[in-house]
């Protein structure tokens, strides 16, 4: 676990985010329909970046278990 500047305990994530002029990728997956100018970054430590963004979806569903 890694300590950030606020003393929170956060495991070091494995996701890698790449933003280009026209696209945003999470672990090489193109995330379509990201709202323009919605990507915000907050550097918590040398190994952790908090990435916030808005994207549009056709639908949303919450499931209690991890099955698609």
PDB file of N, CA and C in Angstrom:
ATOM      1  N   UNK A   1       0.840  -1.181   0.000  1.00  0.00           N
ATOM      2  CA  UNK A   1       0.000   0.000   0.000  1.00  0.00           C
ATOM      3  C   UNK A   1       0.875   1.230   0.000  1.00  0.00           C
ATOM      4  N   UNK A   2       0.324   2.299  -0.543  1.00  0.00           N
ATOM      5  CA  UNK A   2       1.092   3.522  -0.696  1.00  0.00           C
ATOM      6  C   UNK A   2       0.410   4.632   0.083  1.00  0.00           C
ATOM      7  N   UNK A   3       1.183   5.472   0.752  1.00  0.00           N
ATOM      8  CA  UNK A   3       0.624   6.622   1.465  1.00  0.00           C
ATOM      9  C   UNK A   3       0.639   7.825   0.544  1.00  0.00           C
ATOM     10  N   UNK A   4      -0.509   8.506   0.420  1.00  0.00           N
ATOM     11  CA  UNK A   4      -0.480   9.750  -0.324  1.00  0.00           C
ATOM     12  C   UNK A   4      -0.344  10.895   0.657  1.00  0.00           C
ATOM     13  N   UNK A   5      -0.347  12.127   0.194  1.00  0.00           N
ATOM     14  CA  UNK A   5      -0.070  13.283   1.034  1.00  0.00           C
ATOM     15  C   UNK A   5      -1.124  13.522   2.101  1.00  0.00           C
ATOM     16  N   UNK A   6      -2.331  12.967   1.966  1.00  0.00           N
ATOM     17  CA  UNK A   6      -3.386  13.171   2.953  1.00  0.00           C
ATOM     18  C   UNK A   6      -3.423  12.039   3.975  1.00  0.00           C
ATOM     19  N   UNK A   7      -2.492  11.098   3.902  1.00  0.00           N
ATOM     20  CA  UNK A   7      -2.454  10.016   4.852  1.00  0.00           C
ATOM     21  C   UNK A   7      -3.416   8.886   4.543  1.00  0.00           C
ATOM     22  N   UNK A   8      -4.047   8.895   3.386  1.00  0.00           N
ATOM     23  CA  UNK A   8      -4.944   7.823   3.008  1.00  0.00           C
ATOM     24  C   UNK A   8      -4.139   6.618   2.552  1.00  0.00           C
ATOM     25  N   UNK A   9      -4.642   5.448   2.838  1.00  0.00           N
ATOM     26  CA  UNK A   9      -3.988   4.224   2.374  1.00  0.00           C
ATOM     27  C   UNK A   9      -4.682   3.779   1.093  1.00  0.00           C
ATOM     28  N   UNK A  10      -3.945   3.794  -0.016  1.00  0.00           N
ATOM     29  CA  UNK A  10      -4.475   3.404  -1.319  1.00  0.00           C
ATOM     30  C   UNK A  10      -3.495   2.430  -1.948  1.00  0.00           C
ATOM     31  N   UNK A  11      -4.006   1.298  -2.416  1.00  0.00           N
ATOM     32  CA  UNK A  11      -3.150   0.379  -3.152  1.00  0.00           C
ATOM     33  C   UNK A  11      -2.742   1.035  -4.461  1.00  0.00           C
ATOM     34  N   UNK A  12      -1.545   0.743  -4.918  1.00  0.00           N
ATOM     35  CA  UNK A  12      -1.070   1.292  -6.182  1.00  0.00           C
ATOM     36  C   UNK A  12      -1.871   0.644  -7.317  1.00  0.00           C
ATOM     37  N   UNK A  13      -2.590   1.441  -8.094  1.00  0.00           N
ATOM     38  CA  UNK A  13      -3.419   0.883  -9.169  1.00  0.00           C
ATOM     39  C   UNK A  13      -2.578   0.365 -10.322  1.00  0.00           C
ATOM     40  N   UNK A  14      -3.203  -0.475 -11.146  1.00  0.00           N
ATOM     41  CA  UNK A  14      -2.513  -1.022 -12.311  1.00  0.00           C
ATOM     42  C   UNK A  14      -2.978  -0.385 -13.612  1.00  0.00           C
ATOM     43  N   UNK A  15      -4.088   0.354 -13.586  1.00  0.00           N
ATOM     44  CA  UNK A  15      -4.606   0.953 -14.811  1.00  0.00           C
ATOM     45  C   UNK A  15      -3.654   2.042 -15.311  1.00  0.00           C
ATOM     46  N   UNK A  16      -3.561   2.104 -16.646  1.00  0.00           N
ATOM     47  CA  UNK A  16      -2.764   3.145 -17.289  1.00  0.00           C
ATOM     48  C   UNK A  16      -3.680   3.915 -18.222  1.00  0.00           C
ATOM     49  N   UNK A  17      -3.712   5.224 -18.046  1.00  0.00           N
ATOM     50  CA  UNK A  17      -4.580   6.095 -18.834  1.00  0.00           C
ATOM     51  C   UNK A  17      -3.711   6.919 -19.770  1.00  0.00           C
ATOM     52  N   UNK A  18      -4.111   6.970 -21.043  1.00  0.00           N
ATOM     53  CA  UNK A  18      -3.419   7.779 -22.051  1.00  0.00           C
ATOM     54  C   UNK A  18      -4.475   8.635 -22.724  1.00  0.00           C
ATOM     55  N   UNK A  19      -4.230   9.945 -22.742  1.00  0.00           N
ATOM     56  CA  UNK A  19      -5.138  10.864 -23.428  1.00  0.00           C
ATOM     57  C   UNK A  19      -4.406  11.475 -24.604  1.00  0.00           C
ATOM     58  N   UNK A  20      -5.060  11.473 -25.747  1.00  0.00           N
ATOM     59  CA  UNK A  20      -4.537  12.151 -26.927  1.00  0.00           C
ATOM     60  C   UNK A  20      -5.479  13.302 -27.248  1.00  0.00           C
ATOM     61  N   UNK A  21      -5.190  14.014 -28.301  1.00  0.00           N
ATOM     62  CA  UNK A  21      -6.048  15.130 -28.697  1.00  0.00           C
ATOM     63  C   UNK A  21      -7.488  14.679 -28.961  1.00  0.00           C
ATOM     64  N   UNK A  22      -7.651  13.469 -29.486  1.00  0.00           N
ATOM     65  CA  UNK A  22      -8.975  13.012 -29.907  1.00  0.00           C
ATOM     66  C   UNK A  22      -9.535  11.820 -29.131  1.00  0.00           C
ATOM     67  N   UNK A  23      -8.736  11.193 -28.272  1.00  0.00           N
ATOM     68  CA  UNK A  23      -9.190   9.960 -27.626  1.00  0.00           C
ATOM     69  C   UNK A  23      -8.655   9.834 -26.206  1.00  0.00           C
ATOM     70  N   UNK A  24      -9.303   8.923 -25.452  1.00  0.00           N
ATOM     71  CA  UNK A  24      -8.827   8.569 -24.126  1.00  0.00           C
ATOM     72  C   UNK A  24      -8.815   7.048 -24.030  1.00  0.00           C
ATOM     73  N   UNK A  25      -7.691   6.505 -23.591  1.00  0.00           N
ATOM     74  CA  UNK A  25      -7.516   5.063 -23.482  1.00  0.00           C
ATOM     75  C   UNK A  25      -7.278   4.685 -22.023  1.00  0.00           C
ATOM     76  N   UNK A  26      -7.924   3.620 -21.576  1.00  0.00           N
ATOM     77  CA  UNK A  26      -7.650   3.023 -20.276  1.00  0.00           C
ATOM     78  C   UNK A  26      -7.198   1.599 -20.553  1.00  0.00           C
ATOM     79  N   UNK A  27      -5.952   1.299 -20.212  1.00  0.00           N
ATOM     80  CA  UNK A  27      -5.355  -0.008 -20.514  1.00  0.00           C
ATOM     81  C   UNK A  27      -5.552  -0.385 -21.985  1.00  0.00           C
ATOM     82  N   UNK A  28      -5.257   0.547 -22.868  1.00  0.00           N
ATOM     83  CA  UNK A  28      -5.361   0.385 -24.327  1.00  0.00           C
ATOM     84  C   UNK A  28      -6.788   0.211 -24.832  1.00  0.00           C
ATOM     85  N   UNK A  29      -7.802   0.434 -23.979  1.00  0.00           N
ATOM     86  CA  UNK A  29      -9.203   0.392 -24.404  1.00  0.00           C
ATOM     87  C   UNK A  29      -9.669   1.817 -24.656  1.00  0.00           C
ATOM     88  N   UNK A  30     -10.146   2.075 -25.865  1.00  0.00           N
ATOM     89  CA  UNK A  30     -10.615   3.412 -26.228  1.00  0.00           C
ATOM     90  C   UNK A  30     -11.956   3.670 -25.555  1.00  0.00           C
ATOM     91  N   UNK A  31     -12.003   4.638 -24.671  1.00  0.00           N
ATOM     92  CA  UNK A  31     -13.239   5.018 -24.010  1.00  0.00           C
ATOM     93  C   UNK A  31     -13.903   6.099 -24.860  1.00  0.00           C
ATOM     94  N   UNK A  32     -14.960   5.724 -25.529  1.00  0.00           N
ATOM     95  CA  UNK A  32     -15.649   6.648 -26.438  1.00  0.00           C
ATOM     96  C   UNK A  32     -16.571   7.587 -25.673  1.00  0.00           C
ATOM     97  N   UNK A  33     -16.934   8.665 -26.301  1.00  0.00           N
ATOM     98  CA  UNK A  33     -17.923   9.618 -25.806  1.00  0.00           C
ATOM     99  C   UNK A  33     -17.529  10.285 -24.486  1.00  0.00           C
ATOM    100  N   UNK A  34     -16.249  10.639 -24.368  1.00  0.00           N
ATOM    101  CA  UNK A  34     -15.785  11.410 -23.219  1.00  0.00           C
ATOM    102  C   UNK A  34     -16.167  12.864 -23.467  1.00  0.00           C
ATOM    103  N   UNK A  35     -16.772  13.491 -22.468  1.00  0.00           N
ATOM    104  CA  UNK A  35     -17.193  14.887 -22.607  1.00  0.00           C
ATOM    105  C   UNK A  35     -15.967  15.785 -22.778  1.00  0.00           C
ATOM    106  N   UNK A  36     -16.071  16.701 -23.697  1.00  0.00           N
ATOM    107  CA  UNK A  36     -14.966  17.611 -23.996  1.00  0.00           C
ATOM    108  C   UNK A  36     -14.573  18.402 -22.754  1.00  0.00           C
ATOM    109  N   UNK A  37     -13.275  18.520 -22.504  1.00  0.00           N
ATOM    110  CA  UNK A  37     -12.705  19.263 -21.379  1.00  0.00           C
ATOM    111  C   UNK A  37     -13.138  18.734 -20.011  1.00  0.00           C
ATOM    112  N   UNK A  38     -13.504  17.443 -19.920  1.00  0.00           N
ATOM    113  CA  UNK A  38     -13.948  16.905 -18.632  1.00  0.00           C
ATOM    114  C   UNK A  38     -12.864  16.143 -17.869  1.00  0.00           C
ATOM    115  N   UNK A  39     -11.727  15.873 -18.486  1.00  0.00           N
ATOM    116  CA  UNK A  39     -10.672  15.092 -17.834  1.00  0.00           C
ATOM    117  C   UNK A  39      -9.922  15.987 -16.846  1.00  0.00           C
ATOM    118  N   UNK A  40      -9.904  15.528 -15.591  1.00  0.00           N
ATOM    119  CA  UNK A  40      -9.226  16.268 -14.521  1.00  0.00           C
ATOM    120  C   UNK A  40      -8.247  15.316 -13.832  1.00  0.00           C
ATOM    121  N   UNK A  41      -7.072  15.825 -13.484  1.00  0.00           N
ATOM    122  CA  UNK A  41      -6.037  15.018 -12.849  1.00  0.00           C
ATOM    123  C   UNK A  41      -5.681  15.584 -11.492  1.00  0.00           C
ATOM    124  N   UNK A  42      -5.407  14.676 -10.553  1.00  0.00           N
ATOM    125  CA  UNK A  42      -4.923  15.066  -9.232  1.00  0.00           C
ATOM    126  C   UNK A  42      -3.819  14.076  -8.872  1.00  0.00           C
ATOM    127  N   UNK A  43      -2.602  14.560  -8.761  1.00  0.00           N
ATOM    128  CA  UNK A  43      -1.462  13.704  -8.461  1.00  0.00           C
ATOM    129  C   UNK A  43      -1.393  13.484  -6.948  1.00  0.00           C
ATOM    130  N   UNK A  44      -1.623  12.246  -6.514  1.00  0.00           N
ATOM    131  CA  UNK A  44      -1.636  11.912  -5.097  1.00  0.00           C
ATOM    132  C   UNK A  44      -0.274  11.461  -4.602  1.00  0.00           C
ATOM    133  N   UNK A  45       0.510  10.847  -5.485  1.00  0.00           N
ATOM    134  CA  UNK A  45       1.873  10.427  -5.176  1.00  0.00           C
ATOM    135  C   UNK A  45       2.582  10.177  -6.500  1.00  0.00           C
ATOM    136  N   UNK A  46       3.824   9.720  -6.433  1.00  0.00           N
ATOM    137  CA  UNK A  46       4.547   9.447  -7.679  1.00  0.00           C
ATOM    138  C   UNK A  46       3.962   8.260  -8.432  1.00  0.00           C
ATOM    139  N   UNK A  47       3.192   7.401  -7.746  1.00  0.00           N
ATOM    140  CA  UNK A  47       2.621   6.211  -8.373  1.00  0.00           C
ATOM    141  C   UNK A  47       1.109   6.241  -8.507  1.00  0.00           C
ATOM    142  N   UNK A  48       0.461   7.322  -8.074  1.00  0.00           N
ATOM    143  CA  UNK A  48      -1.007   7.367  -8.096  1.00  0.00           C
ATOM    144  C   UNK A  48      -1.488   8.712  -8.631  1.00  0.00           C
ATOM    145  N   UNK A  49      -2.311   8.637  -9.666  1.00  0.00           N
ATOM    146  CA  UNK A  49      -2.962   9.817 -10.235  1.00  0.00           C
ATOM    147  C   UNK A  49      -4.464   9.576 -10.165  1.00  0.00           C
ATOM    148  N   UNK A  50      -5.178  10.491  -9.545  1.00  0.00           N
ATOM    149  CA  UNK A  50      -6.643  10.416  -9.542  1.00  0.00           C
ATOM    150  C   UNK A  50      -7.133  11.045 -10.837  1.00  0.00           C
ATOM    151  N   UNK A  51      -7.847  10.262 -11.654  1.00  0.00           N
ATOM    152  CA  UNK A  51      -8.357  10.735 -12.937  1.00  0.00           C
ATOM    153  C   UNK A  51      -9.878  10.798 -12.840  1.00  0.00           C
ATOM    154  N   UNK A  52     -10.420  11.969 -13.064  1.00  0.00           N
ATOM    155  CA  UNK A  52     -11.876  12.151 -13.071  1.00  0.00           C
ATOM    156  C   UNK A  52     -12.293  12.592 -14.456  1.00  0.00           C
ATOM    157  N   UNK A  53     -13.406  12.066 -14.931  1.00  0.00           N
ATOM    158  CA  UNK A  53     -13.880  12.455 -16.248  1.00  0.00           C
ATOM    159  C   UNK A  53     -15.372  12.191 -16.352  1.00  0.00           C
ATOM    160  N   UNK A  54     -15.963  12.754 -17.365  1.00  0.00           N
ATOM    161  CA  UNK A  54     -17.367  12.523 -17.673  1.00  0.00           C
ATOM    162  C   UNK A  54     -17.437  11.863 -19.031  1.00  0.00           C
ATOM    163  N   UNK A  55     -18.225  10.808 -19.123  1.00  0.00           N
ATOM    164  CA  UNK A  55     -18.462  10.202 -20.424  1.00  0.00           C
ATOM    165  C   UNK A  55     -19.945   9.862 -20.526  1.00  0.00           C
ATOM    166  N   UNK A  56     -20.401   9.680 -21.751  1.00  0.00           N
ATOM    167  CA  UNK A  56     -21.810   9.438 -22.020  1.00  0.00           C
ATOM    168  C   UNK A  56     -22.029   7.971 -22.358  1.00  0.00           C
ATOM    169  N   UNK A  57     -23.130   7.415 -21.846  1.00  0.00           N
ATOM    170  CA  UNK A  57     -23.470   6.011 -22.097  1.00  0.00           C
ATOM    171  C   UNK A  57     -24.934   5.918 -22.512  1.00  0.00           C
ATOM    172  N   UNK A  58     -25.257   4.873 -23.208  1.00  0.00           N
ATOM    173  CA  UNK A  58     -26.636   4.641 -23.637  1.00  0.00           C
ATOM    174  C   UNK A  58     -27.500   4.181 -22.466  1.00  0.00           C
ATOM    175  N   UNK A  59     -26.899   3.445 -21.532  1.00  0.00           N
ATOM    176  CA  UNK A  59     -27.657   2.957 -20.383  1.00  0.00           C
ATOM    177  C   UNK A  59     -26.715   2.727 -19.213  1.00  0.00           C
ATOM    178  N   UNK A  60     -27.312   2.479 -18.049  1.00  0.00           N
ATOM    179  CA  UNK A  60     -26.543   2.174 -16.838  1.00  0.00           C
ATOM    180  C   UNK A  60     -27.336   1.171 -16.017  1.00  0.00           C
ATOM    181  N   UNK A  61     -26.619   0.203 -15.442  1.00  0.00           N
ATOM    182  CA  UNK A  61     -27.252  -0.803 -14.590  1.00  0.00           C
ATOM    183  C   UNK A  61     -26.293  -1.143 -13.469  1.00  0.00           C
ATOM    184  N   UNK A  62     -26.802  -1.275 -12.257  1.00  0.00           N
ATOM    185  CA  UNK A  62     -25.991  -1.704 -11.121  1.00  0.00           C
ATOM    186  C   UNK A  62     -26.322  -3.155 -10.816  1.00  0.00           C
ATOM    187  N   UNK A  63     -25.275  -3.989 -10.650  1.00  0.00           N
ATOM    188  CA  UNK A  63     -25.463  -5.393 -10.299  1.00  0.00           C
ATOM    189  C   UNK A  63     -24.691  -5.679  -9.016  1.00  0.00           C
ATOM    190  N   UNK A  64     -25.248  -6.491  -8.178  1.00  0.00           N
ATOM    191  CA  UNK A  64     -24.614  -6.852  -6.907  1.00  0.00           C
ATOM    192  C   UNK A  64     -23.387  -7.742  -7.102  1.00  0.00           C
ATOM    193  N   UNK A  65     -23.331  -8.474  -8.223  1.00  0.00           N
ATOM    194  CA  UNK A  65     -22.211  -9.375  -8.473  1.00  0.00           C
ATOM    195  C   UNK A  65     -21.502  -8.986  -9.761  1.00  0.00           C
ATOM    196  N   UNK A  66     -20.264  -9.423  -9.911  1.00  0.00           N
ATOM    197  CA  UNK A  66     -19.437  -9.067 -11.063  1.00  0.00           C
ATOM    198  C   UNK A  66     -19.683  -9.965 -12.267  1.00  0.00           C
ATOM    199  N   UNK A  67     -20.868  -9.978 -12.794  1.00  0.00           N
ATOM    200  CA  UNK A  67     -21.133 -10.715 -14.026  1.00  0.00           C
ATOM    201  C   UNK A  67     -21.723  -9.738 -15.026  1.00  0.00           C
ATOM    202  N   UNK A  68     -21.330  -9.888 -16.269  1.00  0.00           N
ATOM    203  CA  UNK A  68     -21.818  -8.951 -17.296  1.00  0.00           C
ATOM    204  C   UNK A  68     -22.987  -9.527 -18.031  1.00  0.00           C
TER     205      UNK A  68
END
